Amino acid sequence: MYAISQVHFDKEADREDILRFLCDQFFDHSDLSRSLVTVFEDHFSSLLGNRGHSHSNIDTTVDLLAIRGADLDFDDRPLTALQLAVANADLKNTSRLLDLGAEPKRIGNSKSPPYATAPLSRLNRFRGQSPLRICQVLIQEQRDDLESEVNGVNGVNGVGGNDGHDEDDEDDVLEEISQNLIQAGGEDSIED
């Protein structure tokens, strides 16, 4: 096995080539699976307040980790990659994970330690909820926030509100995610 310090990447090296090399040389199956969930946790943190907008870096990383054998349903964390994609209202990656074979009913490990630091701690409210349930909660919160705004009260749920996004667009995205999850066999459930 090569040490990272012994590997030379020239300036033209592509991110995908580097990730492919690292996956092949340094990660076993559980590392890849854990990395997939971590990618979505990091994505949530970096995009908080910018819901529903994906970047190509995560797309490449998701594809690469899946191709290299990451377990799309890895559930030793509070939320699975699919739950995290749904919680971020990320239509593209929710669809991609479903296309790659992620189980739409899979729930993260509710016995694992909760997220302790902000902004990930905001995700603890979704522990034990199916991806479809998370989506339905977000749709209802979006509607509640919209109703509050109509009545002159700012949104309080952390979804929509004054985050600079069109609530109708986000509601459409969440509805499409919901339909994709239903078509894939997802259920609106909460773990006992």
Foldseek 3Di string as FASTA:
>chain_A
DDDPVPDDDDPPDDPLNVLLVCLVPPDDQARLQVVLQVLLLVVCQVCQLVAQDDDVVNVSSNVSSLVSHHDQLDAQAQAGNLLSCLLSLHLVVNLVSVVSPHQQARFHDLPHDADDDPPSNLCNVCGQWGSLQSLVVLLVLLVVQVVCVVVPHFRDSSHDGPSPDDSVVSNVSSVVSNVSSVVSPHDGDGHD
